[in-house]
């Protein structure tokens, strides 16, 4: 069976959990699916998904912690629309 792309693994984790998750939580769940996945792979997947509008990534309450959530069904105001 071919290896699943890291972006697909990350996206499926977020869809299954359907909640805000930290980058570390996603990494740990991804490692359970694919032990060869690295934190760098997860970060690249998050960037790809964010650039494609599938997720939203923002800094959490603790410095250096990234929170991630699905962006589907969300609408955002641009600064000039506020």
C-alpha atoms as a PDB file:
ATOM      1  CA  UNK A   1       0.000   0.000   0.000  1.00  0.00           C
ATOM      2  CA  UNK A   2       1.433   3.421  -0.937  1.00  0.00           C
ATOM      3  CA  UNK A   3       2.323   5.860   1.812  1.00  0.00           C
ATOM      4  CA  UNK A   4      -0.316   8.526   2.477  1.00  0.00           C
ATOM      5  CA  UNK A   5       0.784  12.159   2.007  1.00  0.00           C
ATOM      6  CA  UNK A   6       1.406  13.969   5.289  1.00  0.00           C
ATOM      7  CA  UNK A   7      -1.135  16.698   4.443  1.00  0.00           C
ATOM      8  CA  UNK A   8      -3.804  14.013   4.038  1.00  0.00           C
ATOM      9  CA  UNK A   9      -2.957  12.413   7.400  1.00  0.00           C
ATOM     10  CA  UNK A  10      -3.076  15.795   9.172  1.00  0.00           C
ATOM     11  CA  UNK A  11      -6.343  16.777   7.501  1.00  0.00           C
ATOM     12  CA  UNK A  12      -7.992  13.456   8.394  1.00  0.00           C
ATOM     13  CA  UNK A  13      -6.900  13.814  12.031  1.00  0.00           C
ATOM     14  CA  UNK A  14      -8.460  17.271  12.240  1.00  0.00           C
ATOM     15  CA  UNK A  15     -11.679  16.078  10.592  1.00  0.00           C
ATOM     16  CA  UNK A  16     -11.971  13.090  12.929  1.00  0.00           C
ATOM     17  CA  UNK A  17     -11.224  15.095  16.074  1.00  0.00           C
ATOM     18  CA  UNK A  18     -13.362  18.076  14.983  1.00  0.00           C
ATOM     19  CA  UNK A  19     -11.868  20.367  17.632  1.00  0.00           C
ATOM     20  CA  UNK A  20      -9.033  22.813  18.136  1.00  0.00           C
ATOM     21  CA  UNK A  21      -5.790  20.868  18.449  1.00  0.00           C
ATOM     22  CA  UNK A  22      -2.209  21.851  19.121  1.00  0.00           C
ATOM     23  CA  UNK A  23       0.534  21.145  16.628  1.00  0.00           C
ATOM     24  CA  UNK A  24       2.019  18.653  19.119  1.00  0.00           C
ATOM     25  CA  UNK A  25      -1.270  16.732  19.478  1.00  0.00           C
ATOM     26  CA  UNK A  26      -1.530  16.451  15.704  1.00  0.00           C
ATOM     27  CA  UNK A  27       2.074  15.260  15.496  1.00  0.00           C
ATOM     28  CA  UNK A  28       1.510  12.546  18.128  1.00  0.00           C
ATOM     29  CA  UNK A  29      -1.618  11.252  16.365  1.00  0.00           C
ATOM     30  CA  UNK A  30       0.149  11.374  12.987  1.00  0.00           C
ATOM     31  CA  UNK A  31       3.034   9.305  14.410  1.00  0.00           C
ATOM     32  CA  UNK A  32       0.508   6.647  15.460  1.00  0.00           C
ATOM     33  CA  UNK A  33      -0.615   6.445  11.816  1.00  0.00           C
ATOM     34  CA  UNK A  34       2.823   6.799  10.201  1.00  0.00           C
ATOM     35  CA  UNK A  35       5.816   6.281  12.526  1.00  0.00           C
ATOM     36  CA  UNK A  36       8.127   7.789   9.894  1.00  0.00           C
ATOM     37  CA  UNK A  37       6.402  11.211   9.856  1.00  0.00           C
ATOM     38  CA  UNK A  38       8.482  14.038  11.328  1.00  0.00           C
ATOM     39  CA  UNK A  39       7.469  17.276  13.030  1.00  0.00           C
ATOM     40  CA  UNK A  40       8.819  19.024   9.926  1.00  0.00           C
ATOM     41  CA  UNK A  41       6.436  16.987   7.749  1.00  0.00           C
ATOM     42  CA  UNK A  42       3.527  18.004   9.989  1.00  0.00           C
ATOM     43  CA  UNK A  43       4.535  21.692   9.863  1.00  0.00           C
ATOM     44  CA  UNK A  44       4.763  21.596   6.051  1.00  0.00           C
ATOM     45  CA  UNK A  45       1.358  19.888   5.893  1.00  0.00           C
ATOM     46  CA  UNK A  46      -0.156  22.540   8.169  1.00  0.00           C
ATOM     47  CA  UNK A  47       1.266  25.303   5.973  1.00  0.00           C
ATOM     48  CA  UNK A  48      -0.076  23.676   2.806  1.00  0.00           C
ATOM     49  CA  UNK A  49      -3.545  23.188   4.340  1.00  0.00           C
ATOM     50  CA  UNK A  50      -3.612  26.758   5.682  1.00  0.00           C
ATOM     51  CA  UNK A  51      -2.578  28.247   2.331  1.00  0.00           C
ATOM     52  CA  UNK A  52      -5.365  26.264   0.670  1.00  0.00           C
ATOM     53  CA  UNK A  53      -7.930  27.583   3.147  1.00  0.00           C
ATOM     54  CA  UNK A  54      -8.659  24.207   4.760  1.00  0.00           C
ATOM     55  CA  UNK A  55      -7.438  25.072   8.255  1.00  0.00           C
ATOM     56  CA  UNK A  56      -6.740  28.049  10.477  1.00  0.00           C
ATOM     57  CA  UNK A  57      -3.532  28.211  12.517  1.00  0.00           C
ATOM     58  CA  UNK A  58      -3.012  30.714  15.315  1.00  0.00           C
ATOM     59  CA  UNK A  59      -0.815  31.178  18.375  1.00  0.00           C
ATOM     60  CA  UNK A  60      -2.286  29.751  21.557  1.00  0.00           C
ATOM     61  CA  UNK A  61      -2.353  31.262  25.011  1.00  0.00           C
ATOM     62  CA  UNK A  62       1.110  29.887  25.779  1.00  0.00           C
ATOM     63  CA  UNK A  63       3.994  31.310  23.783  1.00  0.00           C
ATOM     64  CA  UNK A  64       5.195  29.007  21.029  1.00  0.00           C
ATOM     65  CA  UNK A  65       2.072  26.808  21.042  1.00  0.00           C
ATOM     66  CA  UNK A  66       0.170  26.688  17.757  1.00  0.00           C
ATOM     67  CA  UNK A  67      -3.555  25.955  17.748  1.00  0.00           C
ATOM     68  CA  UNK A  68      -5.081  24.449  14.638  1.00  0.00           C
ATOM     69  CA  UNK A  69      -8.717  24.117  13.600  1.00  0.00           C
ATOM     70  CA  UNK A  70     -10.680  23.345  10.464  1.00  0.00           C
ATOM     71  CA  UNK A  71     -11.669  26.445   8.512  1.00  0.00           C
ATOM     72  CA  UNK A  72     -14.527  24.819   6.611  1.00  0.00           C
ATOM     73  CA  UNK A  73     -17.737  26.712   7.017  1.00  0.00           C
ATOM     74  CA  UNK A  74     -15.979  29.701   8.586  1.00  0.00           C
ATOM     75  CA  UNK A  75     -15.972  33.145   7.089  1.00  0.00           C
ATOM     76  CA  UNK A  76     -13.369  35.742   7.862  1.00  0.00           C
ATOM     77  CA  UNK A  77     -13.452  39.510   7.553  1.00  0.00           C
ATOM     78  CA  UNK A  78     -10.543  41.176   5.900  1.00  0.00           C
ATOM     79  CA  UNK A  79      -9.196  44.246   7.723  1.00  0.00           C
ATOM     80  CA  UNK A  80     -10.959  46.609   5.320  1.00  0.00           C
ATOM     81  CA  UNK A  81     -14.322  44.879   5.955  1.00  0.00           C
ATOM     82  CA  UNK A  82     -14.296  45.369   9.733  1.00  0.00           C
END
